């Protein structure tokens, strides 16, 4: 989903905006820009940063298989949070950046975190050539001249007891989520601008606990920006990105509130045609729970989408996939069984 907004909440602590919605993300926008339904996304410009909006992220999750036959999951994320709208040079910049990276196996979950300041070269996103960086973590374009910058990228990150360098090559088009990129998050109309590249084929190397493993797999990239993406009563979310064996894909999320919650989904055909489903079409039900780091979280889900004859169950590769970062959450790779089979990622916040 979007889903990633929670992590930026920490960076908003310097403002008086907290107190409404999960982590204050339902608070007043205070002069920031807000997404509009009739504004088309334009590429490659919209691959870059949008400093007039309060929050933004560039997000990669990868389901991997090693040459050793084992399953792995990798996450790479760069978040931007604006303390005030716009950009200024040097230390006057109101932009604050955060990076998260993780590597998950069936028996271990390693994560790392970086925090940086805008305007001083420590972190940011450039368009020509495209690069998203924080310290020595990077997502950089390898695309040929004239191609979309995200058609071929490399991600790299390292933390305590893990690292990876992965080449991602797009085998399908960019996908606009929601109504041509305008993704509604509540019945009250909160929304974000949101698109994905869910068709990456992955090759590369991970290093886990002092051993190198060659890997291949699939990756999903999300880019999303907004200023007030949640309603005041929304307490967290569950986000799903699925790669099915027949080439079709699903993005879905549930934003939890005091009632039944708000769900949204996009069905993506094997050739990249998105089909946004109406709110409530996707049903999301937790079926098994697990205690991790003092939090009780769902680790098995049932998702149904009658319009697509979908009835699937997810199971976590590692139930301990807790991101032990300054704002903590669960995120990890899952297996999918039922009417459709495949692999994917789940993110859960607010538990």
C-alpha atoms as a PDB file:
ATOM      1  CA  UNK A   1       0.000   0.000   0.000  1.00  0.00           C
ATOM      2  CA  UNK A   2       0.968   3.190   0.646  1.00  0.00           C
ATOM      3  CA  UNK A   3       1.231   1.666   3.688  1.00  0.00           C
ATOM      4  CA  UNK A   4       4.526   3.039   4.618  1.00  0.00           C
ATOM      5  CA  UNK A   5       3.436   6.259   6.139  1.00  0.00           C
ATOM      6  CA  UNK A   6       3.820   4.996   9.677  1.00  0.00           C
ATOM      7  CA  UNK A   7       7.554   5.084   9.525  1.00  0.00           C
ATOM      8  CA  UNK A   8       7.609   8.769   8.795  1.00  0.00           C
ATOM      9  CA  UNK A   9       5.559   9.534  11.866  1.00  0.00           C
ATOM     10  CA  UNK A  10       8.691   9.638  13.980  1.00  0.00           C
ATOM     11  CA  UNK A  11      10.032  12.461  11.868  1.00  0.00           C
ATOM     12  CA  UNK A  12       6.887  14.496  12.471  1.00  0.00           C
ATOM     13  CA  UNK A  13       7.435  14.599  16.220  1.00  0.00           C
ATOM     14  CA  UNK A  14       9.052  18.001  15.814  1.00  0.00           C
ATOM     15  CA  UNK A  15       5.685  19.444  14.775  1.00  0.00           C
ATOM     16  CA  UNK A  16       2.474  19.906  16.798  1.00  0.00           C
ATOM     17  CA  UNK A  17       0.460  17.826  14.321  1.00  0.00           C
ATOM     18  CA  UNK A  18       0.339  14.506  16.176  1.00  0.00           C
ATOM     19  CA  UNK A  19      -2.724  13.208  17.940  1.00  0.00           C
ATOM     20  CA  UNK A  20      -5.193  12.383  15.176  1.00  0.00           C
ATOM     21  CA  UNK A  21      -5.298   9.014  13.478  1.00  0.00           C
ATOM     22  CA  UNK A  22      -2.535   6.437  13.612  1.00  0.00           C
ATOM     23  CA  UNK A  23       0.748   8.199  14.533  1.00  0.00           C
ATOM     24  CA  UNK A  24      -0.880  11.574  13.866  1.00  0.00           C
ATOM     25  CA  UNK A  25      -1.263  10.907  10.157  1.00  0.00           C
ATOM     26  CA  UNK A  26      -4.883  12.047  10.199  1.00  0.00           C
ATOM     27  CA  UNK A  27      -3.860  15.500  11.453  1.00  0.00           C
ATOM     28  CA  UNK A  28      -4.331  18.814   9.672  1.00  0.00           C
ATOM     29  CA  UNK A  29      -2.145  19.375   6.616  1.00  0.00           C
ATOM     30  CA  UNK A  30      -1.109  22.900   7.711  1.00  0.00           C
ATOM     31  CA  UNK A  31      -0.455  24.364   4.248  1.00  0.00           C
ATOM     32  CA  UNK A  32       0.970  21.285   2.569  1.00  0.00           C
ATOM     33  CA  UNK A  33      -0.304  20.213  -0.855  1.00  0.00           C
ATOM     34  CA  UNK A  34      -2.901  17.432  -1.038  1.00  0.00           C
ATOM     35  CA  UNK A  35      -3.461  14.972  -3.910  1.00  0.00           C
ATOM     36  CA  UNK A  36      -6.178  15.857  -6.408  1.00  0.00           C
ATOM     37  CA  UNK A  37      -8.190  13.283  -8.384  1.00  0.00           C
ATOM     38  CA  UNK A  38      -7.950  15.147 -11.693  1.00  0.00           C
ATOM     39  CA  UNK A  39      -4.163  15.630 -11.775  1.00  0.00           C
ATOM     40  CA  UNK A  40      -2.405  13.066 -13.983  1.00  0.00           C
ATOM     41  CA  UNK A  41       0.932  11.557 -12.973  1.00  0.00           C
ATOM     42  CA  UNK A  42       3.778  12.420 -15.356  1.00  0.00           C
ATOM     43  CA  UNK A  43       6.928  10.333 -15.829  1.00  0.00           C
ATOM     44  CA  UNK A  44       9.813  10.471 -15.353  1.00  0.00           C
ATOM     45  CA  UNK A  45       9.194  13.654 -13.310  1.00  0.00           C
ATOM     46  CA  UNK A  46       6.993  11.927 -10.741  1.00  0.00           C
ATOM     47  CA  UNK A  47       9.717   9.391  -9.953  1.00  0.00           C
ATOM     48  CA  UNK A  48      11.367  12.255  -8.071  1.00  0.00           C
ATOM     49  CA  UNK A  49      10.582  13.926  -4.751  1.00  0.00           C
ATOM     50  CA  UNK A  50       7.502  16.060  -4.071  1.00  0.00           C
ATOM     51  CA  UNK A  51       8.637  18.405  -1.273  1.00  0.00           C
ATOM     52  CA  UNK A  52       5.373  20.349  -1.237  1.00  0.00           C
ATOM     53  CA  UNK A  53       3.736  17.221   0.236  1.00  0.00           C
ATOM     54  CA  UNK A  54       4.345  16.211   3.848  1.00  0.00           C
ATOM     55  CA  UNK A  55       5.299  12.543   3.410  1.00  0.00           C
ATOM     56  CA  UNK A  56       6.658  10.289   0.652  1.00  0.00           C
ATOM     57  CA  UNK A  57       8.398   6.947   0.177  1.00  0.00           C
ATOM     58  CA  UNK A  58      10.189   4.782  -2.393  1.00  0.00           C
ATOM     59  CA  UNK A  59       9.702   1.154  -1.393  1.00  0.00           C
ATOM     60  CA  UNK A  60      10.951  -2.223  -2.668  1.00  0.00           C
ATOM     61  CA  UNK A  61      10.028  -5.700  -1.420  1.00  0.00           C
ATOM     62  CA  UNK A  62      11.536  -8.807  -3.038  1.00  0.00           C
ATOM     63  CA  UNK A  63      10.669 -12.496  -2.809  1.00  0.00           C
ATOM     64  CA  UNK A  64      13.868 -14.419  -3.495  1.00  0.00           C
ATOM     65  CA  UNK A  65      15.095 -17.994  -3.967  1.00  0.00           C
ATOM     66  CA  UNK A  66      18.741 -18.765  -3.253  1.00  0.00           C
ATOM     67  CA  UNK A  67      21.119 -21.030  -5.117  1.00  0.00           C
ATOM     68  CA  UNK A  68      20.986 -23.041  -1.884  1.00  0.00           C
ATOM     69  CA  UNK A  69      17.267 -23.709  -2.485  1.00  0.00           C
ATOM     70  CA  UNK A  70      16.147 -21.552   0.443  1.00  0.00           C
ATOM     71  CA  UNK A  71      13.547 -18.740   0.363  1.00  0.00           C
ATOM     72  CA  UNK A  72      14.485 -15.180   1.318  1.00  0.00           C
ATOM     73  CA  UNK A  73      12.848 -11.778   1.484  1.00  0.00           C
ATOM     74  CA  UNK A  74      14.476  -8.356   1.066  1.00  0.00           C
ATOM     75  CA  UNK A  75      13.143  -4.877   1.811  1.00  0.00           C
ATOM     76  CA  UNK A  76      14.607  -1.487   0.781  1.00  0.00           C
ATOM     77  CA  UNK A  77      12.855   1.769   1.714  1.00  0.00           C
ATOM     78  CA  UNK A  78      13.547   5.501   1.622  1.00  0.00           C
ATOM     79  CA  UNK A  79      11.117   7.843   3.393  1.00  0.00           C
ATOM     80  CA  UNK A  80      10.907  11.627   3.146  1.00  0.00           C
ATOM     81  CA  UNK A  81       9.151  13.808   5.720  1.00  0.00           C
ATOM     82  CA  UNK A  82       8.757  17.582   5.386  1.00  0.00           C
ATOM     83  CA  UNK A  83       8.753  19.740   8.511  1.00  0.00           C
ATOM     84  CA  UNK A  84       7.477  22.558   6.263  1.00  0.00           C
ATOM     85  CA  UNK A  85       6.365  22.649   2.606  1.00  0.00           C
ATOM     86  CA  UNK A  86       8.988  23.108  -0.108  1.00  0.00           C
ATOM     87  CA  UNK A  87      12.752  22.933  -0.230  1.00  0.00           C
ATOM     88  CA  UNK A  88      15.558  25.274   0.845  1.00  0.00           C
ATOM     89  CA  UNK A  89      19.319  24.940   0.332  1.00  0.00           C
ATOM     90  CA  UNK A  90      21.773  23.435   2.806  1.00  0.00           C
ATOM     91  CA  UNK A  91      20.920  23.155   6.487  1.00  0.00           C
ATOM     92  CA  UNK A  92      17.821  25.273   5.920  1.00  0.00           C
ATOM     93  CA  UNK A  93      16.172  22.290   4.214  1.00  0.00           C
ATOM     94  CA  UNK A  94      12.962  21.186   5.994  1.00  0.00           C
ATOM     95  CA  UNK A  95      13.248  17.690   4.487  1.00  0.00           C
ATOM     96  CA  UNK A  96      14.143  14.789   6.772  1.00  0.00           C
ATOM     97  CA  UNK A  97      14.926  11.305   5.430  1.00  0.00           C
ATOM     98  CA  UNK A  98      14.780   7.783   6.861  1.00  0.00           C
ATOM     99  CA  UNK A  99      15.903   4.473   5.372  1.00  0.00           C
ATOM    100  CA  UNK A 100      14.868   0.950   6.329  1.00  0.00           C
ATOM    101  CA  UNK A 101      16.357  -2.288   5.020  1.00  0.00           C
ATOM    102  CA  UNK A 102      15.773  -5.912   5.947  1.00  0.00           C
ATOM    103  CA  UNK A 103      16.665  -9.447   4.974  1.00  0.00           C
ATOM    104  CA  UNK A 104      14.403 -12.319   6.054  1.00  0.00           C
ATOM    105  CA  UNK A 105      14.993 -16.078   6.104  1.00  0.00           C
ATOM    106  CA  UNK A 106      12.856 -18.882   7.503  1.00  0.00           C
ATOM    107  CA  UNK A 107      14.843 -18.712  10.751  1.00  0.00           C
ATOM    108  CA  UNK A 108      16.091 -15.118  11.028  1.00  0.00           C
ATOM    109  CA  UNK A 109      15.054 -11.539  10.363  1.00  0.00           C
ATOM    110  CA  UNK A 110      17.693  -8.812  10.169  1.00  0.00           C
ATOM    111  CA  UNK A 111      16.840  -5.118   9.831  1.00  0.00           C
ATOM    112  CA  UNK A 112      18.667  -1.802   9.708  1.00  0.00           C
ATOM    113  CA  UNK A 113      17.775   1.880   9.838  1.00  0.00           C
ATOM    114  CA  UNK A 114      19.338   5.161   8.701  1.00  0.00           C
ATOM    115  CA  UNK A 115      18.218   8.745   9.383  1.00  0.00           C
ATOM    116  CA  UNK A 116      19.464  11.717   7.362  1.00  0.00           C
ATOM    117  CA  UNK A 117      18.963  15.407   6.729  1.00  0.00           C
ATOM    118  CA  UNK A 118      18.062  16.931   3.375  1.00  0.00           C
ATOM    119  CA  UNK A 119      20.046  19.704   1.719  1.00  0.00           C
ATOM    120  CA  UNK A 120      23.496  18.520   2.771  1.00  0.00           C
ATOM    121  CA  UNK A 121      24.071  15.566   0.420  1.00  0.00           C
ATOM    122  CA  UNK A 122      23.431  12.842   2.973  1.00  0.00           C
ATOM    123  CA  UNK A 123      20.127  11.673   1.510  1.00  0.00           C
ATOM    124  CA  UNK A 124      17.722  12.470  -1.286  1.00  0.00           C
ATOM    125  CA  UNK A 125      16.384  11.599  -4.729  1.00  0.00           C
ATOM    126  CA  UNK A 126      17.745  12.864  -8.057  1.00  0.00           C
ATOM    127  CA  UNK A 127      16.165  12.428 -11.477  1.00  0.00           C
ATOM    128  CA  UNK A 128      18.991  12.642 -13.992  1.00  0.00           C
ATOM    129  CA  UNK A 129      20.269  10.033 -13.531  1.00  0.00           C
ATOM    130  CA  UNK A 130      17.667   8.612 -11.171  1.00  0.00           C
ATOM    131  CA  UNK A 131      19.062   7.759  -7.740  1.00  0.00           C
ATOM    132  CA  UNK A 132      17.496   7.466  -4.289  1.00  0.00           C
ATOM    133  CA  UNK A 133      20.106   7.351  -1.544  1.00  0.00           C
ATOM    134  CA  UNK A 134      20.734   7.649   2.167  1.00  0.00           C
ATOM    135  CA  UNK A 135      24.352   7.306   3.266  1.00  0.00           C
ATOM    136  CA  UNK A 136      25.694   4.250   1.382  1.00  0.00           C
ATOM    137  CA  UNK A 137      22.286   2.684   0.777  1.00  0.00           C
ATOM    138  CA  UNK A 138      21.043   3.248  -2.763  1.00  0.00           C
ATOM    139  CA  UNK A 139      18.412   2.597  -5.407  1.00  0.00           C
ATOM    140  CA  UNK A 140      19.961   3.647  -8.726  1.00  0.00           C
ATOM    141  CA  UNK A 141      18.881   3.435 -12.349  1.00  0.00           C
ATOM    142  CA  UNK A 142      20.661   1.205 -14.886  1.00  0.00           C
ATOM    143  CA  UNK A 143      18.166   2.014 -17.641  1.00  0.00           C
ATOM    144  CA  UNK A 144      19.310   2.633 -21.192  1.00  0.00           C
ATOM    145  CA  UNK A 145      18.967   6.070 -22.745  1.00  0.00           C
ATOM    146  CA  UNK A 146      15.357   6.899 -23.561  1.00  0.00           C
ATOM    147  CA  UNK A 147      13.896   4.166 -21.347  1.00  0.00           C
ATOM    148  CA  UNK A 148      11.957   4.782 -18.183  1.00  0.00           C
ATOM    149  CA  UNK A 149      14.526   5.256 -15.388  1.00  0.00           C
ATOM    150  CA  UNK A 150      12.835   2.580 -13.293  1.00  0.00           C
ATOM    151  CA  UNK A 151      12.908  -0.033 -16.053  1.00  0.00           C
ATOM    152  CA  UNK A 152      16.245  -1.276 -14.665  1.00  0.00           C
ATOM    153  CA  UNK A 153      17.573  -0.436 -11.196  1.00  0.00           C
ATOM    154  CA  UNK A 154      19.989  -1.734  -8.590  1.00  0.00           C
ATOM    155  CA  UNK A 155      19.301  -1.669  -4.857  1.00  0.00           C
ATOM    156  CA  UNK A 156      22.002  -2.027  -2.222  1.00  0.00           C
ATOM    157  CA  UNK A 157      21.966  -1.900   1.577  1.00  0.00           C
ATOM    158  CA  UNK A 158      23.819  -3.364   4.536  1.00  0.00           C
ATOM    159  CA  UNK A 159      23.138  -3.768   8.232  1.00  0.00           C
ATOM    160  CA  UNK A 160      24.307  -5.817  11.159  1.00  0.00           C
ATOM    161  CA  UNK A 161      24.860  -9.393   9.891  1.00  0.00           C
ATOM    162  CA  UNK A 162      23.312  -8.818   6.447  1.00  0.00           C
ATOM    163  CA  UNK A 163      23.750  -7.026   3.131  1.00  0.00           C
ATOM    164  CA  UNK A 164      22.510  -7.304  -0.452  1.00  0.00           C
ATOM    165  CA  UNK A 165      23.063  -5.994  -3.952  1.00  0.00           C
ATOM    166  CA  UNK A 166      20.163  -6.795  -6.283  1.00  0.00           C
ATOM    167  CA  UNK A 167      19.528  -5.961  -9.945  1.00  0.00           C
ATOM    168  CA  UNK A 168      15.847  -5.384 -10.772  1.00  0.00           C
ATOM    169  CA  UNK A 169      14.679  -5.487 -14.403  1.00  0.00           C
ATOM    170  CA  UNK A 170      11.080  -4.599 -15.274  1.00  0.00           C
ATOM    171  CA  UNK A 171       9.194  -7.179 -17.364  1.00  0.00           C
ATOM    172  CA  UNK A 172       5.982  -5.142 -17.495  1.00  0.00           C
ATOM    173  CA  UNK A 173       4.732  -1.539 -17.292  1.00  0.00           C
ATOM    174  CA  UNK A 174       4.278   0.875 -14.413  1.00  0.00           C
ATOM    175  CA  UNK A 175       0.886   0.456 -12.733  1.00  0.00           C
ATOM    176  CA  UNK A 176      -1.211   3.384 -11.487  1.00  0.00           C
ATOM    177  CA  UNK A 177      -3.050   2.482  -8.301  1.00  0.00           C
ATOM    178  CA  UNK A 178      -6.608   3.587  -7.544  1.00  0.00           C
ATOM    179  CA  UNK A 179      -8.176   6.006 -10.032  1.00  0.00           C
ATOM    180  CA  UNK A 180      -5.258   6.617 -12.420  1.00  0.00           C
ATOM    181  CA  UNK A 181      -2.871   7.032  -9.499  1.00  0.00           C
ATOM    182  CA  UNK A 182      -5.279   8.703  -7.056  1.00  0.00           C
ATOM    183  CA  UNK A 183      -5.588   6.189  -4.205  1.00  0.00           C
ATOM    184  CA  UNK A 184      -8.397   6.796  -1.687  1.00  0.00           C
ATOM    185  CA  UNK A 185      -7.648   5.729   1.886  1.00  0.00           C
ATOM    186  CA  UNK A 186     -10.901   6.359   3.783  1.00  0.00           C
ATOM    187  CA  UNK A 187     -14.628   6.938   3.424  1.00  0.00           C
ATOM    188  CA  UNK A 188     -13.903  10.577   4.314  1.00  0.00           C
ATOM    189  CA  UNK A 189     -11.810  10.996   1.162  1.00  0.00           C
ATOM    190  CA  UNK A 190      -8.214  11.022   2.422  1.00  0.00           C
ATOM    191  CA  UNK A 191      -5.959   9.960  -0.441  1.00  0.00           C
ATOM    192  CA  UNK A 192      -2.446   9.674  -1.843  1.00  0.00           C
ATOM    193  CA  UNK A 193      -0.781   9.671  -5.243  1.00  0.00           C
ATOM    194  CA  UNK A 194       0.413   6.100  -5.722  1.00  0.00           C
ATOM    195  CA  UNK A 195       1.943   3.977  -8.470  1.00  0.00           C
ATOM    196  CA  UNK A 196       3.859   0.701  -8.587  1.00  0.00           C
ATOM    197  CA  UNK A 197       6.308  -1.297 -10.646  1.00  0.00           C
ATOM    198  CA  UNK A 198       5.290  -4.864  -9.711  1.00  0.00           C
ATOM    199  CA  UNK A 199       6.996  -6.663 -12.597  1.00  0.00           C
ATOM    200  CA  UNK A 200      10.636  -6.749 -11.553  1.00  0.00           C
ATOM    201  CA  UNK A 201      12.724  -9.858 -12.176  1.00  0.00           C
ATOM    202  CA  UNK A 202      15.589 -10.001  -9.673  1.00  0.00           C
ATOM    203  CA  UNK A 203      19.135 -11.335  -9.789  1.00  0.00           C
ATOM    204  CA  UNK A 204      21.907 -10.621  -7.331  1.00  0.00           C
ATOM    205  CA  UNK A 205      23.687 -11.625  -4.164  1.00  0.00           C
ATOM    206  CA  UNK A 206      22.749 -11.478  -0.515  1.00  0.00           C
ATOM    207  CA  UNK A 207      25.156 -11.831   2.382  1.00  0.00           C
ATOM    208  CA  UNK A 208      23.646 -13.385   5.466  1.00  0.00           C
ATOM    209  CA  UNK A 209      25.627 -14.204   8.593  1.00  0.00           C
ATOM    210  CA  UNK A 210      29.004 -14.263   6.808  1.00  0.00           C
ATOM    211  CA  UNK A 211      27.997 -16.280   3.753  1.00  0.00           C
ATOM    212  CA  UNK A 212      27.159 -15.120   0.230  1.00  0.00           C
ATOM    213  CA  UNK A 213      24.145 -16.549  -1.598  1.00  0.00           C
ATOM    214  CA  UNK A 214      23.230 -15.934  -5.241  1.00  0.00           C
ATOM    215  CA  UNK A 215      19.507 -15.243  -5.571  1.00  0.00           C
ATOM    216  CA  UNK A 216      16.768 -14.795  -8.159  1.00  0.00           C
ATOM    217  CA  UNK A 217      13.154 -13.801  -7.728  1.00  0.00           C
ATOM    218  CA  UNK A 218      10.481 -11.124  -8.090  1.00  0.00           C
ATOM    219  CA  UNK A 219      10.263  -7.611  -6.662  1.00  0.00           C
ATOM    220  CA  UNK A 220       7.588  -4.966  -6.194  1.00  0.00           C
ATOM    221  CA  UNK A 221       8.295  -1.200  -6.133  1.00  0.00           C
ATOM    222  CA  UNK A 222       5.902   1.389  -4.694  1.00  0.00           C
ATOM    223  CA  UNK A 223       6.165   5.182  -4.796  1.00  0.00           C
ATOM    224  CA  UNK A 224       3.578   7.181  -2.875  1.00  0.00           C
ATOM    225  CA  UNK A 225       3.159  10.711  -1.553  1.00  0.00           C
ATOM    226  CA  UNK A 226       0.524  12.585   0.417  1.00  0.00           C
ATOM    227  CA  UNK A 227       0.022  15.022   3.289  1.00  0.00           C
ATOM    228  CA  UNK A 228      -3.001  13.656   5.172  1.00  0.00           C
ATOM    229  CA  UNK A 229      -3.442  10.036   4.076  1.00  0.00           C
ATOM    230  CA  UNK A 230      -5.491   8.787   7.033  1.00  0.00           C
ATOM    231  CA  UNK A 231      -8.752   9.652   8.736  1.00  0.00           C
ATOM    232  CA  UNK A 232      -8.580  10.644  12.404  1.00  0.00           C
ATOM    233  CA  UNK A 233     -10.023   7.316  13.628  1.00  0.00           C
ATOM    234  CA  UNK A 234      -7.774   4.988  11.601  1.00  0.00           C
ATOM    235  CA  UNK A 235      -5.420   3.092  13.918  1.00  0.00           C
ATOM    236  CA  UNK A 236      -3.197   1.147  11.518  1.00  0.00           C
ATOM    237  CA  UNK A 237      -3.226  -0.931   8.363  1.00  0.00           C
ATOM    238  CA  UNK A 238      -2.572  -4.290   6.742  1.00  0.00           C
ATOM    239  CA  UNK A 239      -1.023  -4.130   3.255  1.00  0.00           C
ATOM    240  CA  UNK A 240      -0.628  -6.984   0.765  1.00  0.00           C
ATOM    241  CA  UNK A 241       1.309  -7.339  -2.503  1.00  0.00           C
ATOM    242  CA  UNK A 242       0.910 -10.699  -4.245  1.00  0.00           C
ATOM    243  CA  UNK A 243       2.658 -12.293  -7.239  1.00  0.00           C
ATOM    244  CA  UNK A 244       0.527 -15.190  -8.497  1.00  0.00           C
ATOM    245  CA  UNK A 245       1.973 -18.126 -10.442  1.00  0.00           C
ATOM    246  CA  UNK A 246      -0.114 -17.286 -13.550  1.00  0.00           C
ATOM    247  CA  UNK A 247       1.499 -13.826 -13.786  1.00  0.00           C
ATOM    248  CA  UNK A 248      -1.408 -11.856 -12.340  1.00  0.00           C
ATOM    249  CA  UNK A 249      -0.900  -9.667  -9.278  1.00  0.00           C
ATOM    250  CA  UNK A 250      -2.863  -8.079  -6.454  1.00  0.00           C
ATOM    251  CA  UNK A 251      -2.313  -5.003  -4.324  1.00  0.00           C
ATOM    252  CA  UNK A 252      -4.726  -4.682  -1.424  1.00  0.00           C
ATOM    253  CA  UNK A 253      -4.953  -2.985   1.942  1.00  0.00           C
ATOM    254  CA  UNK A 254      -7.185  -2.619   4.969  1.00  0.00           C
ATOM    255  CA  UNK A 255      -7.086   0.545   7.058  1.00  0.00           C
ATOM    256  CA  UNK A 256      -8.404  -0.276  10.513  1.00  0.00           C
ATOM    257  CA  UNK A 257     -10.830   1.972  12.380  1.00  0.00           C
ATOM    258  CA  UNK A 258     -13.498   1.683  15.065  1.00  0.00           C
ATOM    259  CA  UNK A 259     -15.902   0.085  12.580  1.00  0.00           C
ATOM    260  CA  UNK A 260     -15.300  -2.557   9.899  1.00  0.00           C
ATOM    261  CA  UNK A 261     -12.298  -0.807   8.367  1.00  0.00           C
ATOM    262  CA  UNK A 262     -11.686   0.489   4.857  1.00  0.00           C
ATOM    263  CA  UNK A 263     -10.405  -1.893   2.183  1.00  0.00           C
ATOM    264  CA  UNK A 264      -9.151  -1.214  -1.321  1.00  0.00           C
ATOM    265  CA  UNK A 265      -7.589  -3.369  -4.017  1.00  0.00           C
ATOM    266  CA  UNK A 266      -6.135  -3.289  -7.522  1.00  0.00           C
ATOM    267  CA  UNK A 267      -6.107  -6.425  -9.690  1.00  0.00           C
ATOM    268  CA  UNK A 268      -3.228  -6.386 -12.182  1.00  0.00           C
ATOM    269  CA  UNK A 269      -3.343  -8.581 -15.280  1.00  0.00           C
ATOM    270  CA  UNK A 270      -0.269 -10.483 -16.442  1.00  0.00           C
ATOM    271  CA  UNK A 271       0.282  -7.878 -19.179  1.00  0.00           C
ATOM    272  CA  UNK A 272       0.063  -4.978 -16.719  1.00  0.00           C
ATOM    273  CA  UNK A 273      -3.522  -3.706 -17.025  1.00  0.00           C
ATOM    274  CA  UNK A 274      -4.757  -2.452 -13.632  1.00  0.00           C
ATOM    275  CA  UNK A 275      -8.346  -2.987 -12.555  1.00  0.00           C
ATOM    276  CA  UNK A 276      -9.205  -0.957  -9.432  1.00  0.00           C
ATOM    277  CA  UNK A 277     -11.899  -2.626  -7.331  1.00  0.00           C
ATOM    278  CA  UNK A 278     -14.474  -0.619  -5.349  1.00  0.00           C
ATOM    279  CA  UNK A 279     -13.963  -0.065  -1.600  1.00  0.00           C
ATOM    280  CA  UNK A 280     -15.125  -3.111   0.341  1.00  0.00           C
ATOM    281  CA  UNK A 281     -14.730  -5.566  -2.556  1.00  0.00           C
ATOM    282  CA  UNK A 282     -11.712  -7.136  -0.839  1.00  0.00           C
ATOM    283  CA  UNK A 283     -12.343  -9.031   2.397  1.00  0.00           C
ATOM    284  CA  UNK A 284      -9.381  -9.399   4.771  1.00  0.00           C
ATOM    285  CA  UNK A 285      -9.569 -11.701   7.824  1.00  0.00           C
ATOM    286  CA  UNK A 286      -6.786 -12.691  10.260  1.00  0.00           C
ATOM    287  CA  UNK A 287      -6.785 -16.432  10.968  1.00  0.00           C
ATOM    288  CA  UNK A 288      -3.711 -17.003  13.185  1.00  0.00           C
ATOM    289  CA  UNK A 289      -1.785 -14.763  15.576  1.00  0.00           C
ATOM    290  CA  UNK A 290       1.735 -14.677  17.001  1.00  0.00           C
ATOM    291  CA  UNK A 291       3.442 -12.801  19.822  1.00  0.00           C
ATOM    292  CA  UNK A 292       6.594 -11.009  18.692  1.00  0.00           C
ATOM    293  CA  UNK A 293       8.597  -8.388  20.599  1.00  0.00           C
ATOM    294  CA  UNK A 294       5.663  -7.800  22.926  1.00  0.00           C
ATOM    295  CA  UNK A 295       3.146  -7.340  20.093  1.00  0.00           C
ATOM    296  CA  UNK A 296       0.393  -9.728  19.029  1.00  0.00           C
ATOM    297  CA  UNK A 297       0.173  -9.742  15.233  1.00  0.00           C
ATOM    298  CA  UNK A 298      -1.674 -11.803  12.604  1.00  0.00           C
ATOM    299  CA  UNK A 299       0.658 -14.191  10.772  1.00  0.00           C
ATOM    300  CA  UNK A 300      -1.949 -15.971   8.660  1.00  0.00           C
ATOM    301  CA  UNK A 301      -4.589 -14.167   6.606  1.00  0.00           C
ATOM    302  CA  UNK A 302      -7.556 -15.141   4.473  1.00  0.00           C
ATOM    303  CA  UNK A 303      -8.320 -12.787   1.583  1.00  0.00           C
ATOM    304  CA  UNK A 304     -11.376 -13.092  -0.627  1.00  0.00           C
ATOM    305  CA  UNK A 305     -12.249 -11.109  -3.734  1.00  0.00           C
ATOM    306  CA  UNK A 306     -15.408 -12.561  -5.301  1.00  0.00           C
ATOM    307  CA  UNK A 307     -15.122 -10.451  -8.461  1.00  0.00           C
ATOM    308  CA  UNK A 308     -11.918 -12.355  -9.294  1.00  0.00           C
ATOM    309  CA  UNK A 309     -12.898 -15.715  -7.731  1.00  0.00           C
ATOM    310  CA  UNK A 310     -10.067 -15.189  -5.244  1.00  0.00           C
ATOM    311  CA  UNK A 311     -10.007 -17.070  -1.947  1.00  0.00           C
ATOM    312  CA  UNK A 312      -6.469 -17.413  -0.612  1.00  0.00           C
ATOM    313  CA  UNK A 313      -4.582 -17.902   2.621  1.00  0.00           C
ATOM    314  CA  UNK A 314      -1.181 -16.431   3.425  1.00  0.00           C
ATOM    315  CA  UNK A 315       1.454 -17.946   5.692  1.00  0.00           C
ATOM    316  CA  UNK A 316       4.544 -16.080   6.865  1.00  0.00           C
ATOM    317  CA  UNK A 317       7.989 -17.310   5.875  1.00  0.00           C
ATOM    318  CA  UNK A 318       9.127 -16.114   9.304  1.00  0.00           C
ATOM    319  CA  UNK A 319       6.599 -15.142  11.972  1.00  0.00           C
ATOM    320  CA  UNK A 320       9.310 -13.090  13.724  1.00  0.00           C
ATOM    321  CA  UNK A 321       9.671 -10.576  10.852  1.00  0.00           C
ATOM    322  CA  UNK A 322       9.412  -7.575  13.165  1.00  0.00           C
ATOM    323  CA  UNK A 323      11.090  -4.325  12.069  1.00  0.00           C
ATOM    324  CA  UNK A 324      12.710  -3.319  15.331  1.00  0.00           C
ATOM    325  CA  UNK A 325      13.142   0.286  14.250  1.00  0.00           C
ATOM    326  CA  UNK A 326      12.306   3.586  15.943  1.00  0.00           C
ATOM    327  CA  UNK A 327       8.700   3.191  14.799  1.00  0.00           C
ATOM    328  CA  UNK A 328       8.242  -0.577  14.840  1.00  0.00           C
ATOM    329  CA  UNK A 329       6.048  -2.724  12.553  1.00  0.00           C
ATOM    330  CA  UNK A 330       5.811  -6.201  11.012  1.00  0.00           C
ATOM    331  CA  UNK A 331       6.842  -6.779   7.413  1.00  0.00           C
ATOM    332  CA  UNK A 332       7.874  -9.969   5.723  1.00  0.00           C
ATOM    333  CA  UNK A 333       7.511 -12.424   2.833  1.00  0.00           C
ATOM    334  CA  UNK A 334       4.554 -14.807   2.652  1.00  0.00           C
ATOM    335  CA  UNK A 335       3.459 -17.872   0.718  1.00  0.00           C
ATOM    336  CA  UNK A 336      -0.007 -17.854  -0.875  1.00  0.00           C
ATOM    337  CA  UNK A 337      -2.262 -20.921  -1.244  1.00  0.00           C
ATOM    338  CA  UNK A 338      -5.901 -21.524  -2.176  1.00  0.00           C
ATOM    339  CA  UNK A 339      -7.668 -20.502  -5.377  1.00  0.00           C
ATOM    340  CA  UNK A 340      -4.429 -18.805  -6.481  1.00  0.00           C
ATOM    341  CA  UNK A 341      -0.865 -19.748  -5.546  1.00  0.00           C
ATOM    342  CA  UNK A 342       2.187 -17.552  -5.311  1.00  0.00           C
ATOM    343  CA  UNK A 343       4.404 -15.427  -3.085  1.00  0.00           C
ATOM    344  CA  UNK A 344       4.202 -11.909  -1.780  1.00  0.00           C
ATOM    345  CA  UNK A 345       4.706  -9.492   1.085  1.00  0.00           C
ATOM    346  CA  UNK A 346       2.578  -8.339   4.016  1.00  0.00           C
ATOM    347  CA  UNK A 347       3.043  -5.170   6.077  1.00  0.00           C
ATOM    348  CA  UNK A 348       1.177  -4.558   9.338  1.00  0.00           C
ATOM    349  CA  UNK A 349       1.246  -1.414  11.465  1.00  0.00           C
ATOM    350  CA  UNK A 350      -0.441  -0.293  14.654  1.00  0.00           C
ATOM    351  CA  UNK A 351      -0.407  -3.624  16.540  1.00  0.00           C
END
